Each structure stands twice: as C-alpha cells, then as structure tokens.
Amino acid sequence: MGFFRRQEERMAVHYLTWQYQKMNIPVPMLAELELQAKKIVDEAHRIGAERGRNVMGIIKELVEDFKKSRTYEKK
C-alpha cells in the first residue's frame, strides 16, 4: 500500500470517528474503523476513476452516506 493510500485511509478513520462523536454514537474499535475506512477509500477510488473526480471529496460524500445509513439502522 502506498503512502497516499495510507494517508487517505487515516483521514477517513479520523473523519469517521468525528462523525460518530458528532452523532453521539459509540465509536467502534479501531480495527472496525480501519475496515470501514478501507471500504470507503476503495469506493472513492473506483468512483474517481469512473467519473474523474477528486478522491477526497468523494470520501467525504461516502462518509456522509455511511453516516445516514447508520442513523437509520440505530432507530
């Protein structure tokens, strides 16, 4: 795994953690956060390759979508 990919995944972990805290939802264990971040970054790269968009912007959108789906699961 390259340097930039690791940085994207770390940023996604931090962003996910912040979103969980913001929503007052218990933050999962680090291993679960890393797995979620990896899936988000993979999806962002796939979308970026298809649409020619900025990967970081896509990651933020995917985390927002993930956050919405987690909110509905908790209710």
N, C-alpha and C. Protein backbone atom coordinates (compact mmCIF):
# COMPACT_ATOMS: atom_id res chain seq x y z
N MET A 1 0.84 -1.16 0.00
CA MET A 1 0.00 0.00 0.00
C MET A 1 0.90 1.23 0.00
N GLY A 2 0.53 2.20 -0.83
CA GLY A 2 1.34 3.39 -0.96
C GLY A 2 1.10 4.41 0.13
N PHE A 3 2.00 5.37 0.18
CA PHE A 3 1.94 6.43 1.19
C PHE A 3 0.63 7.19 1.13
N PHE A 4 0.22 7.61 -0.07
CA PHE A 4 -1.00 8.41 -0.20
C PHE A 4 -2.24 7.61 0.18
N ARG A 5 -2.26 6.34 -0.18
CA ARG A 5 -3.39 5.48 0.17
C ARG A 5 -3.51 5.37 1.70
N ARG A 6 -2.40 5.18 2.39
CA ARG A 6 -2.42 5.10 3.85
C ARG A 6 -2.94 6.41 4.45
N GLN A 7 -2.51 7.53 3.88
CA GLN A 7 -2.96 8.83 4.37
C GLN A 7 -4.46 9.01 4.15
N GLU A 8 -4.96 8.57 3.02
CA GLU A 8 -6.40 8.66 2.75
C GLU A 8 -7.18 7.82 3.76
N GLU A 9 -6.70 6.62 4.04
CA GLU A 9 -7.38 5.75 4.99
C GLU A 9 -7.32 6.33 6.40
N ARG A 10 -6.19 6.91 6.78
CA ARG A 10 -6.08 7.54 8.10
C ARG A 10 -7.04 8.73 8.21
N MET A 11 -7.12 9.52 7.13
CA MET A 11 -8.03 10.65 7.12
C MET A 11 -9.47 10.16 7.23
N ALA A 12 -9.81 9.08 6.55
CA ALA A 12 -11.16 8.53 6.61
C ALA A 12 -11.47 8.02 8.02
N VAL A 13 -10.50 7.40 8.69
CA VAL A 13 -10.69 6.93 10.08
C VAL A 13 -10.98 8.13 10.98
N HIS A 14 -10.21 9.19 10.84
CA HIS A 14 -10.41 10.39 11.66
C HIS A 14 -11.78 11.01 11.37
N TYR A 15 -12.14 11.07 10.11
CA TYR A 15 -13.42 11.66 9.73
C TYR A 15 -14.57 10.81 10.25
N LEU A 16 -14.46 9.48 10.15
CA LEU A 16 -15.49 8.59 10.68
C LEU A 16 -15.62 8.76 12.19
N THR A 17 -14.50 8.81 12.89
CA THR A 17 -14.50 9.00 14.34
C THR A 17 -15.22 10.29 14.70
N TRP A 18 -14.89 11.35 14.01
CA TRP A 18 -15.51 12.64 14.26
C TRP A 18 -17.01 12.57 14.02
N GLN A 19 -17.43 11.90 12.94
CA GLN A 19 -18.85 11.77 12.65
C GLN A 19 -19.58 10.97 13.73
N TYR A 20 -18.99 9.87 14.19
CA TYR A 20 -19.60 9.09 15.27
C TYR A 20 -19.76 9.95 16.52
N GLN A 21 -18.72 10.68 16.88
CA GLN A 21 -18.77 11.52 18.07
C GLN A 21 -19.81 12.62 17.92
N LYS A 22 -19.87 13.20 16.74
CA LYS A 22 -20.82 14.27 16.47
C LYS A 22 -22.25 13.79 16.61
N MET A 23 -22.50 12.52 16.25
CA MET A 23 -23.84 11.95 16.32
C MET A 23 -24.12 11.28 17.67
N ASN A 24 -23.18 11.37 18.60
CA ASN A 24 -23.30 10.73 19.91
C ASN A 24 -23.53 9.23 19.81
N ILE A 25 -22.84 8.60 18.88
CA ILE A 25 -22.87 7.14 18.70
C ILE A 25 -21.53 6.61 19.19
N PRO A 26 -21.54 5.50 19.94
CA PRO A 26 -20.26 4.94 20.39
C PRO A 26 -19.32 4.65 19.20
N VAL A 27 -18.10 5.09 19.33
CA VAL A 27 -17.10 4.89 18.28
C VAL A 27 -16.66 3.42 18.30
N PRO A 28 -16.73 2.74 17.14
CA PRO A 28 -16.29 1.34 17.10
C PRO A 28 -14.79 1.20 17.39
N MET A 29 -14.38 -0.02 17.60
CA MET A 29 -12.97 -0.33 17.82
C MET A 29 -12.17 0.12 16.59
N LEU A 30 -10.88 0.37 16.79
CA LEU A 30 -10.01 0.85 15.72
C LEU A 30 -10.01 -0.09 14.52
N ALA A 31 -10.00 -1.40 14.76
CA ALA A 31 -9.99 -2.36 13.65
C ALA A 31 -11.23 -2.21 12.78
N GLU A 32 -12.39 -1.99 13.40
CA GLU A 32 -13.63 -1.80 12.65
C GLU A 32 -13.60 -0.48 11.88
N LEU A 33 -13.09 0.57 12.51
CA LEU A 33 -12.96 1.86 11.83
C LEU A 33 -12.04 1.75 10.61
N GLU A 34 -10.93 1.04 10.77
CA GLU A 34 -9.99 0.87 9.66
C GLU A 34 -10.63 0.09 8.52
N LEU A 35 -11.43 -0.91 8.83
CA LEU A 35 -12.13 -1.68 7.80
C LEU A 35 -13.14 -0.79 7.07
N GLN A 36 -13.90 0.00 7.82
CA GLN A 36 -14.85 0.93 7.20
C GLN A 36 -14.13 1.94 6.32
N ALA A 37 -13.01 2.47 6.82
CA ALA A 37 -12.24 3.46 6.07
C ALA A 37 -11.68 2.86 4.79
N LYS A 38 -11.20 1.63 4.86
CA LYS A 38 -10.66 0.96 3.67
C LYS A 38 -11.75 0.82 2.61
N LYS A 39 -12.95 0.41 3.02
CA LYS A 39 -14.06 0.26 2.07
C LYS A 39 -14.42 1.60 1.45
N ILE A 40 -14.45 2.65 2.27
CA ILE A 40 -14.79 3.98 1.77
C ILE A 40 -13.75 4.47 0.77
N VAL A 41 -12.47 4.28 1.09
CA VAL A 41 -11.40 4.74 0.20
C VAL A 41 -11.42 3.92 -1.11
N ASP A 42 -11.64 2.61 -1.01
CA ASP A 42 -11.75 1.77 -2.22
C ASP A 42 -12.86 2.28 -3.12
N GLU A 43 -14.02 2.54 -2.52
CA GLU A 43 -15.17 3.02 -3.29
C GLU A 43 -14.88 4.40 -3.89
N ALA A 44 -14.23 5.27 -3.12
CA ALA A 44 -13.90 6.61 -3.62
C ALA A 44 -12.96 6.52 -4.82
N HIS A 45 -12.00 5.62 -4.77
CA HIS A 45 -11.08 5.46 -5.91
C HIS A 45 -11.81 4.91 -7.13
N ARG A 46 -12.72 3.99 -6.89
CA ARG A 46 -13.49 3.43 -8.01
C ARG A 46 -14.34 4.53 -8.67
N ILE A 47 -15.02 5.30 -7.85
CA ILE A 47 -15.85 6.39 -8.37
C ILE A 47 -14.98 7.44 -9.06
N GLY A 48 -13.86 7.78 -8.45
CA GLY A 48 -12.96 8.77 -9.04
C GLY A 48 -12.44 8.33 -10.40
N ALA A 49 -12.13 7.04 -10.54
CA ALA A 49 -11.65 6.52 -11.82
C ALA A 49 -12.74 6.58 -12.87
N GLU A 50 -13.97 6.29 -12.48
CA GLU A 50 -15.09 6.30 -13.42
C GLU A 50 -15.47 7.72 -13.85
N ARG A 51 -15.49 8.64 -12.89
CA ARG A 51 -16.03 9.97 -13.13
C ARG A 51 -14.99 11.07 -13.22
N GLY A 52 -13.74 10.74 -12.91
CA GLY A 52 -12.69 11.74 -12.99
C GLY A 52 -12.83 12.83 -11.94
N ARG A 53 -13.28 12.46 -10.74
CA ARG A 53 -13.48 13.44 -9.67
C ARG A 53 -12.40 13.33 -8.62
N ASN A 54 -12.37 14.31 -7.72
CA ASN A 54 -11.42 14.37 -6.62
C ASN A 54 -11.74 13.30 -5.59
N VAL A 55 -10.78 12.47 -5.26
CA VAL A 55 -10.98 11.35 -4.34
C VAL A 55 -11.35 11.84 -2.94
N MET A 56 -10.74 12.89 -2.45
CA MET A 56 -11.04 13.36 -1.09
C MET A 56 -12.49 13.85 -0.99
N GLY A 57 -12.98 14.52 -2.00
CA GLY A 57 -14.37 14.96 -1.99
C GLY A 57 -15.32 13.77 -2.00
N ILE A 58 -14.97 12.75 -2.76
CA ILE A 58 -15.78 11.54 -2.82
C ILE A 58 -15.77 10.84 -1.46
N ILE A 59 -14.63 10.78 -0.80
CA ILE A 59 -14.54 10.14 0.52
C ILE A 59 -15.49 10.84 1.49
N LYS A 60 -15.51 12.16 1.48
CA LYS A 60 -16.40 12.89 2.38
C LYS A 60 -17.86 12.56 2.07
N GLU A 61 -18.23 12.49 0.79
CA GLU A 61 -19.60 12.14 0.42
C GLU A 61 -19.95 10.73 0.87
N LEU A 62 -19.02 9.79 0.71
CA LEU A 62 -19.28 8.42 1.11
C LEU A 62 -19.45 8.29 2.62
N VAL A 63 -18.66 9.05 3.38
CA VAL A 63 -18.80 9.01 4.84
C VAL A 63 -20.17 9.58 5.23
N GLU A 64 -20.60 10.64 4.56
CA GLU A 64 -21.93 11.20 4.84
C GLU A 64 -23.01 10.16 4.56
N ASP A 65 -22.90 9.45 3.43
CA ASP A 65 -23.86 8.40 3.10
C ASP A 65 -23.82 7.28 4.13
N PHE A 66 -22.62 6.91 4.56
CA PHE A 66 -22.46 5.87 5.57
C PHE A 66 -23.11 6.31 6.87
N LYS A 67 -22.90 7.57 7.23
CA LYS A 67 -23.45 8.12 8.46
C LYS A 67 -24.98 8.05 8.41
N LYS A 68 -25.57 8.41 7.29
CA LYS A 68 -27.02 8.37 7.15
C LYS A 68 -27.54 6.94 7.28
N SER A 69 -26.86 5.98 6.68
CA SER A 69 -27.32 4.60 6.75
C SER A 69 -27.19 4.07 8.17
N ARG A 70 -26.17 4.47 8.92
CA ARG A 70 -26.00 4.05 10.32
C ARG A 70 -27.09 4.67 11.18
N THR A 71 -27.52 5.88 10.89
CA THR A 71 -28.57 6.54 11.66
C THR A 71 -29.87 5.77 11.52
N TYR A 72 -30.19 5.33 10.32
CA TYR A 72 -31.42 4.59 10.10
C TYR A 72 -31.37 3.22 10.77
N GLU A 73 -30.19 2.60 10.83
CA GLU A 73 -30.06 1.29 11.46
C GLU A 73 -30.26 1.39 12.97
N LYS A 74 -29.88 2.50 13.58
CA LYS A 74 -29.96 2.65 15.04
C LYS A 74 -31.38 2.85 15.51
N LYS A 75 -32.27 3.35 14.65
CA LYS A 75 -33.65 3.65 15.06
C LYS A 75 -34.48 2.40 15.14
